[in-house]
Amino acid sequence: ALRLCVAVLFAGCLDSLGQPAQPRTRMVDCDGGSDHLLCGWAESPCGTIQFALDQSADADRIEVKPGVCKGKGNIDLRLRGLEVELVGRGWTRATGPAVEIDCENNGRGFQFQH
């Protein structure tokens, strides 16, 4: 299993008018969220990391709530060239990472492609 502490891929981005883009924070709860077009808020988190990635734009932040993320949408994750910040919440010095990506011997945590 891959334990997610903090993976940061971030760069300053500009919108189509050359202004700094307004990043959005999207929430993911692999144990209790649901993937739909309006998910990503604290009150209605997405259910999979990939769905949140697919809804994201450059400079967005994706926060994954503590728990185990497994199955379709949580393995073989593709960033599609995005420059985002992906953060596993709940990390403490005493307990370490609180988010786990469990591939169940069926794929990889992330796929990086050029």
PDB file of N, CA and C in Angstrom:
ATOM      1  N   ALA A   1       0.845  -1.175   0.000  1.00  0.00           N
ATOM      2  CA  ALA A   1       0.000   0.000   0.000  1.00  0.00           C
ATOM      3  C   ALA A   1       0.889   1.235   0.000  1.00  0.00           C
ATOM      4  N   LEU A   2       0.447   2.244  -0.679  1.00  0.00           N
ATOM      5  CA  LEU A   2       1.163   3.507  -0.769  1.00  0.00           C
ATOM      6  C   LEU A   2       0.571   4.452   0.261  1.00  0.00           C
ATOM      7  N   ARG A   3       1.392   4.975   1.122  1.00  0.00           N
ATOM      8  CA  ARG A   3       0.911   5.941   2.116  1.00  0.00           C
ATOM      9  C   ARG A   3       1.191   7.338   1.580  1.00  0.00           C
ATOM     10  N   LEU A   4       0.165   8.168   1.607  1.00  0.00           N
ATOM     11  CA  LEU A   4       0.256   9.508   1.052  1.00  0.00           C
ATOM     12  C   LEU A   4       0.491  10.501   2.168  1.00  0.00           C
ATOM     13  N   CYS A   5       1.666  11.072   2.213  1.00  0.00           N
ATOM     14  CA  CYS A   5       1.939  12.125   3.201  1.00  0.00           C
ATOM     15  C   CYS A   5       1.543  13.442   2.557  1.00  0.00           C
ATOM     16  N   VAL A   6       2.380  13.948   1.709  1.00  0.00           N
ATOM     17  CA  VAL A   6       2.087  15.164   0.974  1.00  0.00           C
ATOM     18  C   VAL A   6       2.848  15.083  -0.341  1.00  0.00           C
ATOM     19  N   ALA A   7       2.136  15.196  -1.421  1.00  0.00           N
ATOM     20  CA  ALA A   7       2.776  15.258  -2.727  1.00  0.00           C
ATOM     21  C   ALA A   7       2.462  16.629  -3.298  1.00  0.00           C
ATOM     22  N   VAL A   8       3.445  17.393  -3.601  1.00  0.00           N
ATOM     23  CA  VAL A   8       3.209  18.754  -4.058  1.00  0.00           C
ATOM     24  C   VAL A   8       3.754  18.921  -5.468  1.00  0.00           C
ATOM     25  N   LEU A   9       2.875  19.300  -6.352  1.00  0.00           N
ATOM     26  CA  LEU A   9       3.230  19.649  -7.721  1.00  0.00           C
ATOM     27  C   LEU A   9       2.514  20.963  -7.988  1.00  0.00           C
ATOM     28  N   PHE A  10       3.176  22.083  -7.785  1.00  0.00           N
ATOM     29  CA  PHE A  10       2.496  23.362  -7.829  1.00  0.00           C
ATOM     30  C   PHE A  10       3.359  24.384  -8.546  1.00  0.00           C
ATOM     31  N   ALA A  11       2.716  25.211  -9.295  1.00  0.00           N
ATOM     32  CA  ALA A  11       3.410  26.340  -9.917  1.00  0.00           C
ATOM     33  C   ALA A  11       2.409  27.470 -10.062  1.00  0.00           C
ATOM     34  N   GLY A  12       2.898  28.693 -10.088  1.00  0.00           N
ATOM     35  CA  GLY A  12       2.006  29.825 -10.304  1.00  0.00           C
ATOM     36  C   GLY A  12       1.443  29.763 -11.713  1.00  0.00           C
ATOM     37  N   CYS A  13       0.150  29.977 -11.843  1.00  0.00           N
ATOM     38  CA  CYS A  13      -0.521  29.857 -13.135  1.00  0.00           C
ATOM     39  C   CYS A  13      -1.305  31.132 -13.425  1.00  0.00           C
ATOM     40  N   LEU A  14      -1.553  31.381 -14.679  1.00  0.00           N
ATOM     41  CA  LEU A  14      -2.330  32.538 -15.093  1.00  0.00           C
ATOM     42  C   LEU A  14      -3.589  32.078 -15.806  1.00  0.00           C
ATOM     43  N   ASP A  15      -4.672  32.861 -15.665  1.00  0.00           N
ATOM     44  CA  ASP A  15      -5.891  32.524 -16.385  1.00  0.00           C
ATOM     45  C   ASP A  15      -5.786  33.051 -17.816  1.00  0.00           C
ATOM     46  N   SER A  16      -6.870  32.949 -18.585  1.00  0.00           N
ATOM     47  CA  SER A  16      -6.822  33.329 -20.005  1.00  0.00           C
ATOM     48  C   SER A  16      -6.592  34.821 -20.203  1.00  0.00           C
ATOM     49  N   LEU A  17      -6.818  35.646 -19.178  1.00  0.00           N
ATOM     50  CA  LEU A  17      -6.595  37.081 -19.285  1.00  0.00           C
ATOM     51  C   LEU A  17      -5.229  37.491 -18.735  1.00  0.00           C
ATOM     52  N   GLY A  18      -4.416  36.504 -18.371  1.00  0.00           N
ATOM     53  CA  GLY A  18      -3.096  36.805 -17.847  1.00  0.00           C
ATOM     54  C   GLY A  18      -3.086  37.154 -16.370  1.00  0.00           C
ATOM     55  N   GLN A  19      -4.221  37.001 -15.708  1.00  0.00           N
ATOM     56  CA  GLN A  19      -4.325  37.259 -14.278  1.00  0.00           C
ATOM     57  C   GLN A  19      -4.035  35.981 -13.504  1.00  0.00           C
ATOM     58  N   PRO A  20      -3.557  36.109 -12.270  1.00  0.00           N
ATOM     59  CA  PRO A  20      -3.339  34.897 -11.471  1.00  0.00           C
ATOM     60  C   PRO A  20      -4.640  34.103 -11.329  1.00  0.00           C
ATOM     61  N   ALA A  21      -4.548  32.815 -11.582  1.00  0.00           N
ATOM     62  CA  ALA A  21      -5.731  31.952 -11.469  1.00  0.00           C
ATOM     63  C   ALA A  21      -6.131  31.846 -10.005  1.00  0.00           C
ATOM     64  N   GLN A  22      -7.425  31.708  -9.765  1.00  0.00           N
ATOM     65  CA  GLN A  22      -7.931  31.547  -8.414  1.00  0.00           C
ATOM     66  C   GLN A  22      -8.015  30.055  -8.114  1.00  0.00           C
ATOM     67  N   PRO A  23      -7.078  29.538  -7.343  1.00  0.00           N
ATOM     68  CA  PRO A  23      -7.095  28.104  -7.051  1.00  0.00           C
ATOM     69  C   PRO A  23      -8.286  27.740  -6.173  1.00  0.00           C
ATOM     70  N   ARG A  24      -8.710  26.507  -6.316  1.00  0.00           N
ATOM     71  CA  ARG A  24      -9.831  25.986  -5.548  1.00  0.00           C
ATOM     72  C   ARG A  24      -9.334  24.789  -4.742  1.00  0.00           C
ATOM     73  N   THR A  25      -9.846  24.640  -3.546  1.00  0.00           N
ATOM     74  CA  THR A  25      -9.556  23.456  -2.742  1.00  0.00           C
ATOM     75  C   THR A  25     -10.707  22.484  -2.904  1.00  0.00           C
ATOM     76  N   ARG A  26     -10.384  21.256  -3.292  1.00  0.00           N
ATOM     77  CA  ARG A  26     -11.386  20.202  -3.464  1.00  0.00           C
ATOM     78  C   ARG A  26     -11.149  19.140  -2.398  1.00  0.00           C
ATOM     79  N   MET A  27     -12.219  18.677  -1.802  1.00  0.00           N
ATOM     80  CA  MET A  27     -12.142  17.665  -0.756  1.00  0.00           C
ATOM     81  C   MET A  27     -12.484  16.293  -1.330  1.00  0.00           C
ATOM     82  N   VAL A  28     -11.784  15.260  -0.831  1.00  0.00           N
ATOM     83  CA  VAL A  28     -12.059  13.875  -1.208  1.00  0.00           C
ATOM     84  C   VAL A  28     -12.214  13.065   0.078  1.00  0.00           C
ATOM     85  N   ASP A  29     -13.258  12.260   0.131  1.00  0.00           N
ATOM     86  CA  ASP A  29     -13.469  11.320   1.236  1.00  0.00           C
ATOM     87  C   ASP A  29     -13.698   9.954   0.598  1.00  0.00           C
ATOM     88  N   CYS A  30     -12.655   9.129   0.573  1.00  0.00           N
ATOM     89  CA  CYS A  30     -12.738   7.827  -0.101  1.00  0.00           C
ATOM     90  C   CYS A  30     -13.700   6.874   0.597  1.00  0.00           C
ATOM     91  N   ASP A  31     -14.005   7.136   1.859  1.00  0.00           N
ATOM     92  CA  ASP A  31     -14.908   6.259   2.606  1.00  0.00           C
ATOM     93  C   ASP A  31     -16.357   6.726   2.581  1.00  0.00           C
ATOM     94  N   GLY A  32     -16.593   8.013   2.317  1.00  0.00           N
ATOM     95  CA  GLY A  32     -17.969   8.498   2.416  1.00  0.00           C
ATOM     96  C   GLY A  32     -18.349   9.563   1.408  1.00  0.00           C
ATOM     97  N   GLY A  33     -17.473   9.858   0.458  1.00  0.00           N
ATOM     98  CA  GLY A  33     -17.785  10.872  -0.543  1.00  0.00           C
ATOM     99  C   GLY A  33     -18.527  10.281  -1.724  1.00  0.00           C
ATOM    100  N   SER A  34     -18.923  11.150  -2.645  1.00  0.00           N
ATOM    101  CA  SER A  34     -19.662  10.727  -3.831  1.00  0.00           C
ATOM    102  C   SER A  34     -19.212  11.566  -5.018  1.00  0.00           C
ATOM    103  N   ASP A  35     -18.924  10.907  -6.134  1.00  0.00           N
ATOM    104  CA  ASP A  35     -18.484  11.605  -7.343  1.00  0.00           C
ATOM    105  C   ASP A  35     -19.687  12.133  -8.117  1.00  0.00           C
ATOM    106  N   HIS A  36     -19.791  13.447  -8.193  1.00  0.00           N
ATOM    107  CA  HIS A  36     -20.810  14.108  -9.012  1.00  0.00           C
ATOM    108  C   HIS A  36     -20.286  15.501  -9.347  1.00  0.00           C
ATOM    109  N   LEU A  37     -20.899  16.178 -10.282  1.00  0.00           N
ATOM    110  CA  LEU A  37     -20.350  17.434 -10.790  1.00  0.00           C
ATOM    111  C   LEU A  37     -20.218  18.532  -9.746  1.00  0.00           C
ATOM    112  N   LEU A  38     -20.969  18.472  -8.650  1.00  0.00           N
ATOM    113  CA  LEU A  38     -20.892  19.513  -7.638  1.00  0.00           C
ATOM    114  C   LEU A  38     -20.095  19.086  -6.405  1.00  0.00           C
ATOM    115  N   CYS A  39     -19.434  17.944  -6.466  1.00  0.00           N
ATOM    116  CA  CYS A  39     -18.678  17.477  -5.299  1.00  0.00           C
ATOM    117  C   CYS A  39     -17.380  18.255  -5.161  1.00  0.00           C
ATOM    118  N   GLY A  40     -16.762  18.081  -4.011  1.00  0.00           N
ATOM    119  CA  GLY A  40     -15.471  18.703  -3.768  1.00  0.00           C
ATOM    120  C   GLY A  40     -15.472  19.663  -2.601  1.00  0.00           C
ATOM    121  N   TRP A  41     -16.634  20.033  -2.128  1.00  0.00           N
ATOM    122  CA  TRP A  41     -16.741  20.915  -0.971  1.00  0.00           C
ATOM    123  C   TRP A  41     -16.690  20.079   0.293  1.00  0.00           C
ATOM    124  N   ALA A  42     -16.402  20.698   1.430  1.00  0.00           N
ATOM    125  CA  ALA A  42     -16.328  19.973   2.702  1.00  0.00           C
ATOM    126  C   ALA A  42     -17.635  19.249   3.011  1.00  0.00           C
ATOM    127  N   GLU A  43     -18.777  19.869   2.671  1.00  0.00           N
ATOM    128  CA  GLU A  43     -20.077  19.274   2.950  1.00  0.00           C
ATOM    129  C   GLU A  43     -20.436  18.164   1.974  1.00  0.00           C
ATOM    130  N   SER A  44     -19.779  18.125   0.832  1.00  0.00           N
ATOM    131  CA  SER A  44     -20.079  17.146  -0.210  1.00  0.00           C
ATOM    132  C   SER A  44     -18.791  16.743  -0.925  1.00  0.00           C
ATOM    133  N   PRO A  45     -17.922  15.992  -0.236  1.00  0.00           N
ATOM    134  CA  PRO A  45     -16.631  15.639  -0.839  1.00  0.00           C
ATOM    135  C   PRO A  45     -16.784  14.636  -1.983  1.00  0.00           C
ATOM    136  N   CYS A  46     -15.833  14.672  -2.893  1.00  0.00           N
ATOM    137  CA  CYS A  46     -15.779  13.667  -3.960  1.00  0.00           C
ATOM    138  C   CYS A  46     -15.433  12.314  -3.325  1.00  0.00           C
ATOM    139  N   GLY A  47     -15.784  11.244  -4.018  1.00  0.00           N
ATOM    140  CA  GLY A  47     -15.527   9.906  -3.503  1.00  0.00           C
ATOM    141  C   GLY A  47     -14.221   9.301  -3.969  1.00  0.00           C
ATOM    142  N   THR A  48     -13.632   9.854  -5.039  1.00  0.00           N
ATOM    143  CA  THR A  48     -12.374   9.316  -5.542  1.00  0.00           C
ATOM    144  C   THR A  48     -11.407  10.450  -5.882  1.00  0.00           C
ATOM    145  N   ILE A  49     -10.135  10.130  -5.748  1.00  0.00           N
ATOM    146  CA  ILE A  49      -9.092  11.106  -6.056  1.00  0.00           C
ATOM    147  C   ILE A  49      -9.101  11.439  -7.539  1.00  0.00           C
ATOM    148  N   GLN A  50      -9.276  10.433  -8.409  1.00  0.00           N
ATOM    149  CA  GLN A  50      -9.238  10.690  -9.851  1.00  0.00           C
ATOM    150  C   GLN A  50     -10.353  11.632 -10.284  1.00  0.00           C
ATOM    151  N   PHE A  51     -11.549  11.477  -9.714  1.00  0.00           N
ATOM    152  CA  PHE A  51     -12.644  12.374 -10.086  1.00  0.00           C
ATOM    153  C   PHE A  51     -12.289  13.805  -9.701  1.00  0.00           C
ATOM    154  N   ALA A  52     -11.713  13.991  -8.509  1.00  0.00           N
ATOM    155  CA  ALA A  52     -11.301  15.332  -8.094  1.00  0.00           C
ATOM    156  C   ALA A  52     -10.217  15.876  -9.023  1.00  0.00           C
ATOM    157  N   LEU A  53      -9.260  15.025  -9.411  1.00  0.00           N
ATOM    158  CA  LEU A  53      -8.230  15.454 -10.356  1.00  0.00           C
ATOM    159  C   LEU A  53      -8.847  15.859 -11.688  1.00  0.00           C
ATOM    160  N   ASP A  54      -9.804  15.077 -12.166  1.00  0.00           N
ATOM    161  CA  ASP A  54     -10.437  15.359 -13.457  1.00  0.00           C
ATOM    162  C   ASP A  54     -11.236  16.662 -13.436  1.00  0.00           C
ATOM    163  N   GLN A  55     -11.704  17.084 -12.265  1.00  0.00           N
ATOM    164  CA  GLN A  55     -12.469  18.327 -12.134  1.00  0.00           C
ATOM    165  C   GLN A  55     -11.571  19.521 -11.834  1.00  0.00           C
ATOM    166  N   SER A  56     -10.287  19.272 -11.607  1.00  0.00           N
ATOM    167  CA  SER A  56      -9.364  20.321 -11.167  1.00  0.00           C
ATOM    168  C   SER A  56      -8.717  21.058 -12.328  1.00  0.00           C
ATOM    169  N   ALA A  57      -8.196  22.221 -11.985  1.00  0.00           N
ATOM    170  CA  ALA A  57      -7.414  23.044 -12.905  1.00  0.00           C
ATOM    171  C   ALA A  57      -6.055  23.294 -12.262  1.00  0.00           C
ATOM    172  N   ASP A  58      -5.124  23.820 -13.045  1.00  0.00           N
ATOM    173  CA  ASP A  58      -3.813  24.156 -12.500  1.00  0.00           C
ATOM    174  C   ASP A  58      -3.966  25.038 -11.270  1.00  0.00           C
ATOM    175  N   ALA A  59      -3.118  24.804 -10.294  1.00  0.00           N
ATOM    176  CA  ALA A  59      -3.028  25.551  -9.033  1.00  0.00           C
ATOM    177  C   ALA A  59      -4.078  25.134  -8.006  1.00  0.00           C
ATOM    178  N   ASP A  60      -4.981  24.222  -8.341  1.00  0.00           N
ATOM    179  CA  ASP A  60      -5.956  23.741  -7.359  1.00  0.00           C
ATOM    180  C   ASP A  60      -5.254  22.891  -6.309  1.00  0.00           C
ATOM    181  N   ARG A  61      -5.923  22.745  -5.189  1.00  0.00           N
ATOM    182  CA  ARG A  61      -5.442  21.914  -4.076  1.00  0.00           C
ATOM    183  C   ARG A  61      -6.492  20.833  -3.834  1.00  0.00           C
ATOM    184  N   ILE A  62      -6.048  19.590  -3.711  1.00  0.00           N
ATOM    185  CA  ILE A  62      -6.944  18.476  -3.417  1.00  0.00           C
ATOM    186  C   ILE A  62      -6.550  17.933  -2.051  1.00  0.00           C
ATOM    187  N   GLU A  63      -7.505  17.946  -1.128  1.00  0.00           N
ATOM    188  CA  GLU A  63      -7.266  17.436   0.215  1.00  0.00           C
ATOM    189  C   GLU A  63      -8.034  16.136   0.395  1.00  0.00           C
ATOM    190  N   VAL A  64      -7.315  15.075   0.759  1.00  0.00           N
ATOM    191  CA  VAL A  64      -7.923  13.761   0.947  1.00  0.00           C
ATOM    192  C   VAL A  64      -8.082  13.521   2.443  1.00  0.00           C
ATOM    193  N   LYS A  65      -9.321  13.260   2.855  1.00  0.00           N
ATOM    194  CA  LYS A  65      -9.600  13.012   4.268  1.00  0.00           C
ATOM    195  C   LYS A  65      -8.972  11.694   4.707  1.00  0.00           C
ATOM    196  N   PRO A  66      -8.664  11.556   5.995  1.00  0.00           N
ATOM    197  CA  PRO A  66      -8.062  10.322   6.496  1.00  0.00           C
ATOM    198  C   PRO A  66      -8.887   9.086   6.149  1.00  0.00           C
ATOM    199  N   GLY A  67      -8.201   8.019   5.787  1.00  0.00           N
ATOM    200  CA  GLY A  67      -8.861   6.768   5.449  1.00  0.00           C
ATOM    201  C   GLY A  67      -8.073   6.008   4.401  1.00  0.00           C
ATOM    202  N   VAL A  68      -8.672   4.942   3.906  1.00  0.00           N
ATOM    203  CA  VAL A  68      -8.054   4.100   2.883  1.00  0.00           C
ATOM    204  C   VAL A  68      -8.757   4.350   1.559  1.00  0.00           C
ATOM    205  N   CYS A  69      -7.982   4.709   0.547  1.00  0.00           N
ATOM    206  CA  CYS A  69      -8.508   4.937  -0.801  1.00  0.00           C
ATOM    207  C   CYS A  69      -8.103   3.747  -1.651  1.00  0.00           C
ATOM    208  N   LYS A  70      -9.080   3.036  -2.194  1.00  0.00           N
ATOM    209  CA  LYS A  70      -8.772   1.870  -3.029  1.00  0.00           C
ATOM    210  C   LYS A  70      -9.829   1.735  -4.106  1.00  0.00           C
ATOM    211  N   GLY A  71      -9.535   0.865  -5.063  1.00  0.00           N
ATOM    212  CA  GLY A  71     -10.478   0.606  -6.137  1.00  0.00           C
ATOM    213  C   GLY A  71     -10.412   1.640  -7.251  1.00  0.00           C
ATOM    214  N   LYS A  72     -11.298   1.462  -8.215  1.00  0.00           N
ATOM    215  CA  LYS A  72     -11.348   2.339  -9.388  1.00  0.00           C
ATOM    216  C   LYS A  72     -11.492   3.797  -8.959  1.00  0.00           C
ATOM    217  N   GLY A  73     -10.672   4.628  -9.547  1.00  0.00           N
ATOM    218  CA  GLY A  73     -10.683   6.047  -9.224  1.00  0.00           C
ATOM    219  C   GLY A  73      -9.697   6.426  -8.130  1.00  0.00           C
ATOM    220  N   ASN A  74      -9.099   5.424  -7.507  1.00  0.00           N
ATOM    221  CA  ASN A  74      -8.105   5.684  -6.472  1.00  0.00           C
ATOM    222  C   ASN A  74      -6.790   4.960  -6.729  1.00  0.00           C
ATOM    223  N   ILE A  75      -6.671   4.297  -7.870  1.00  0.00           N
ATOM    224  CA  ILE A  75      -5.411   3.683  -8.295  1.00  0.00           C
ATOM    225  C   ILE A  75      -5.145   4.116  -9.727  1.00  0.00           C
ATOM    226  N   ASP A  76      -3.919   3.938 -10.153  1.00  0.00           N
ATOM    227  CA  ASP A  76      -3.504   4.380 -11.499  1.00  0.00           C
ATOM    228  C   ASP A  76      -3.914   5.838 -11.737  1.00  0.00           C
ATOM    229  N   LEU A  77      -3.685   6.676 -10.751  1.00  0.00           N
ATOM    230  CA  LEU A  77      -4.090   8.079 -10.821  1.00  0.00           C
ATOM    231  C   LEU A  77      -3.279   8.814 -11.887  1.00  0.00           C
ATOM    232  N   ARG A  78      -3.966   9.610 -12.701  1.00  0.00           N
ATOM    233  CA  ARG A  78      -3.356  10.367 -13.784  1.00  0.00           C
ATOM    234  C   ARG A  78      -3.537  11.858 -13.520  1.00  0.00           C
ATOM    235  N   LEU A  79      -2.444  12.589 -13.552  1.00  0.00           N
ATOM    236  CA  LEU A  79      -2.507  14.030 -13.324  1.00  0.00           C
ATOM    237  C   LEU A  79      -2.813  14.814 -14.592  1.00  0.00           C
ATOM    238  N   ARG A  80      -2.696  14.193 -15.761  1.00  0.00           N
ATOM    239  CA  ARG A  80      -2.996  14.834 -17.045  1.00  0.00           C
ATOM    240  C   ARG A  80      -2.222  16.140 -17.251  1.00  0.00           C
ATOM    241  N   GLY A  81      -1.009  16.202 -16.726  1.00  0.00           N
ATOM    242  CA  GLY A  81      -0.202  17.405 -16.895  1.00  0.00           C
ATOM    243  C   GLY A  81      -0.570  18.534 -15.951  1.00  0.00           C
ATOM    244  N   LEU A  82      -1.491  18.306 -15.050  1.00  0.00           N
ATOM    245  CA  LEU A  82      -1.897  19.341 -14.104  1.00  0.00           C
ATOM    246  C   LEU A  82      -0.783  19.669 -13.121  1.00  0.00           C
ATOM    247  N   GLU A  83      -0.758  20.902 -12.708  1.00  0.00           N
ATOM    248  CA  GLU A  83       0.127  21.337 -11.640  1.00  0.00           C
ATOM    249  C   GLU A  83      -0.774  21.635 -10.453  1.00  0.00           C
ATOM    250  N   VAL A  84      -0.961  20.620  -9.610  1.00  0.00           N
ATOM    251  CA  VAL A  84      -1.862  20.715  -8.466  1.00  0.00           C
ATOM    252  C   VAL A  84      -1.119  20.333  -7.191  1.00  0.00           C
ATOM    253  N   GLU A  85      -1.740  20.631  -6.078  1.00  0.00           N
ATOM    254  CA  GLU A  85      -1.224  20.217  -4.780  1.00  0.00           C
ATOM    255  C   GLU A  85      -2.162  19.131  -4.263  1.00  0.00           C
ATOM    256  N   LEU A  86      -1.619  17.965  -3.981  1.00  0.00           N
ATOM    257  CA  LEU A  86      -2.389  16.828  -3.482  1.00  0.00           C
ATOM    258  C   LEU A  86      -1.925  16.546  -2.066  1.00  0.00           C
ATOM    259  N   VAL A  87      -2.846  16.670  -1.102  1.00  0.00           N
ATOM    260  CA  VAL A  87      -2.485  16.592   0.308  1.00  0.00           C
ATOM    261  C   VAL A  87      -3.340  15.552   1.019  1.00  0.00           C
ATOM    262  N   GLY A  88      -2.677  14.675   1.751  1.00  0.00           N
ATOM    263  CA  GLY A  88      -3.381  13.748   2.630  1.00  0.00           C
ATOM    264  C   GLY A  88      -3.541  14.399   3.989  1.00  0.00           C
ATOM    265  N   ARG A  89      -4.776  14.587   4.441  1.00  0.00           N
ATOM    266  CA  ARG A  89      -5.030  15.242   5.732  1.00  0.00           C
ATOM    267  C   ARG A  89      -4.849  14.263   6.886  1.00  0.00           C
ATOM    268  N   GLY A  90      -4.625  14.795   8.057  1.00  0.00           N
ATOM    269  CA  GLY A  90      -4.577  13.982   9.252  1.00  0.00           C
ATOM    270  C   GLY A  90      -3.203  13.500   9.668  1.00  0.00           C
ATOM    271  N   TRP A  91      -2.159  13.935   8.963  1.00  0.00           N
ATOM    272  CA  TRP A  91      -0.810  13.502   9.312  1.00  0.00           C
ATOM    273  C   TRP A  91      -0.414  14.121  10.639  1.00  0.00           C
ATOM    274  N   THR A  92       0.185  13.309  11.511  1.00  0.00           N
ATOM    275  CA  THR A  92       0.791  13.817  12.738  1.00  0.00           C
ATOM    276  C   THR A  92       2.157  13.179  12.897  1.00  0.00           C
ATOM    277  N   ARG A  93       2.994  13.828  13.662  1.00  0.00           N
ATOM    278  CA  ARG A  93       4.331  13.292  13.913  1.00  0.00           C
ATOM    279  C   ARG A  93       4.242  11.951  14.636  1.00  0.00           C
ATOM    280  N   ALA A  94       3.236  11.813  15.493  1.00  0.00           N
ATOM    281  CA  ALA A  94       3.094  10.584  16.284  1.00  0.00           C
ATOM    282  C   ALA A  94       2.562   9.415  15.464  1.00  0.00           C
ATOM    283  N   THR A  95       1.613   9.669  14.576  1.00  0.00           N
ATOM    284  CA  THR A  95       0.966   8.566  13.849  1.00  0.00           C
ATOM    285  C   THR A  95       1.419   8.448  12.402  1.00  0.00           C
ATOM    286  N   GLY A  96       2.020   9.498  11.859  1.00  0.00           N
ATOM    287  CA  GLY A  96       2.414   9.467  10.452  1.00  0.00           C
ATOM    288  C   GLY A  96       1.228   9.715   9.543  1.00  0.00           C
ATOM    289  N   PRO A  97       1.292   9.229   8.295  1.00  0.00           N
ATOM    290  CA  PRO A  97       0.214   9.476   7.334  1.00  0.00           C
ATOM    291  C   PRO A  97      -1.112   8.859   7.776  1.00  0.00           C
ATOM    292  N   ALA A  98      -2.187   9.573   7.502  1.00  0.00           N
ATOM    293  CA  ALA A  98      -3.525   9.091   7.835  1.00  0.00           C
ATOM    294  C   ALA A  98      -4.301   8.693   6.583  1.00  0.00           C
ATOM    295  N   VAL A  99      -3.701   8.893   5.412  1.00  0.00           N
ATOM    296  CA  VAL A  99      -4.328   8.525   4.145  1.00  0.00           C
ATOM    297  C   VAL A  99      -3.496   7.424   3.505  1.00  0.00           C
ATOM    298  N   GLU A 100      -4.169   6.381   3.070  1.00  0.00           N
ATOM    299  CA  GLU A 100      -3.486   5.263   2.422  1.00  0.00           C
ATOM    300  C   GLU A 100      -4.131   5.008   1.069  1.00  0.00           C
ATOM    301  N   ILE A 101      -3.301   4.890   0.037  1.00  0.00           N
ATOM    302  CA  ILE A 101      -3.772   4.450  -1.274  1.00  0.00           C
ATOM    303  C   ILE A 101      -3.417   2.977  -1.368  1.00  0.00           C
ATOM    304  N   ASP A 102      -4.434   2.137  -1.335  1.00  0.00           N
ATOM    305  CA  ASP A 102      -4.240   0.690  -1.357  1.00  0.00           C
ATOM    306  C   ASP A 102      -4.549   0.178  -2.761  1.00  0.00           C
ATOM    307  N   CYS A 103      -3.525  -0.202  -3.492  1.00  0.00           N
ATOM    308  CA  CYS A 103      -3.701  -0.673  -4.875  1.00  0.00           C
ATOM    309  C   CYS A 103      -4.164  -2.125  -4.933  1.00  0.00           C
ATOM    310  N   GLU A 104      -4.172  -2.806  -3.810  1.00  0.00           N
ATOM    311  CA  GLU A 104      -4.636  -4.190  -3.725  1.00  0.00           C
ATOM    312  C   GLU A 104      -3.972  -5.076  -4.780  1.00  0.00           C
ATOM    313  N   ASN A 105      -2.664  -4.826  -5.036  1.00  0.00           N
ATOM    314  CA  ASN A 105      -1.905  -5.579  -6.040  1.00  0.00           C
ATOM    315  C   ASN A 105      -2.553  -5.537  -7.421  1.00  0.00           C
ATOM    316  N   ASN A 106      -3.217  -4.427  -7.717  1.00  0.00           N
ATOM    317  CA  ASN A 106      -3.946  -4.311  -8.979  1.00  0.00           C
ATOM    318  C   ASN A 106      -3.704  -2.939  -9.602  1.00  0.00           C
ATOM    319  N   GLY A 107      -2.472  -2.620  -9.911  1.00  0.00           N
ATOM    320  CA  GLY A 107      -2.168  -1.337 -10.522  1.00  0.00           C
ATOM    321  C   GLY A 107      -1.134  -0.586  -9.708  1.00  0.00           C
ATOM    322  N   ARG A 108      -1.033   0.708 -10.000  1.00  0.00           N
ATOM    323  CA  ARG A 108      -0.083   1.582  -9.325  1.00  0.00           C
ATOM    324  C   ARG A 108      -0.841   2.717  -8.664  1.00  0.00           C
ATOM    325  N   GLY A 109      -0.172   3.381  -7.726  1.00  0.00           N
ATOM    326  CA  GLY A 109      -0.783   4.544  -7.102  1.00  0.00           C
ATOM    327  C   GLY A 109      -0.945   5.678  -8.097  1.00  0.00           C
ATOM    328  N   PHE A 110       0.142   6.002  -8.816  1.00  0.00           N
ATOM    329  CA  PHE A 110       0.123   7.112  -9.773  1.00  0.00           C
ATOM    330  C   PHE A 110       0.737   6.674 -11.095  1.00  0.00           C
ATOM    331  N   GLN A 111       0.261   7.274 -12.172  1.00  0.00           N
ATOM    332  CA  GLN A 111       0.874   7.105 -13.493  1.00  0.00           C
ATOM    333  C   GLN A 111       1.358   8.475 -13.942  1.00  0.00           C
ATOM    334  N   PHE A 112       2.664   8.600 -14.135  1.00  0.00           N
ATOM    335  CA  PHE A 112       3.230   9.843 -14.630  1.00  0.00           C
ATOM    336  C   PHE A 112       3.570   9.645 -16.096  1.00  0.00           C
ATOM    337  N   GLN A 113       2.990  10.455 -16.946  1.00  0.00           N
ATOM    338  CA  GLN A 113       3.225  10.353 -18.386  1.00  0.00           C
ATOM    339  C   GLN A 113       3.652  11.711 -18.914  1.00  0.00           C
ATOM    340  N   HIS A 114       4.436  11.697 -19.974  1.00  0.00           N
ATOM    341  CA  HIS A 114       4.898  12.940 -20.586  1.00  0.00           C
ATOM    342  C   HIS A 114       3.985  13.301 -21.737  1.00  0.00           C
TER     343      HIS A 114
END
